[in-house]
């Protein structure tokens, strides 16, 4: 069921992207800081901007993801150690306090 939903979603996104590209064929000129310029279709300019934004967002979140992965590894080590301590404590004989 999930795969079918994802497949439908992918088809809809592709369809919207293709129709967007056909509706926005006009040429735009994009100027850069160093005097370079590029002219091309509006849809390509927006697609490249979206791609750059996704890459920058991924790189910005990468540091946090790596830090969280390290914390997860450390937490798993702590859990193993605590579980071993519990096993060792259960193996000790119980002495009567009375």
Foldseek 3Di string as FASTA:
>chain_A
DVVVVVVVVVVVVVVVLVVVQVVFFDKDKAADPVGDIDIGTPSVVVVVVVVVVVVVVCVVCVVVVVVVVVVVVVVVVVVVVVVVVVVVVVPDDDDDPD
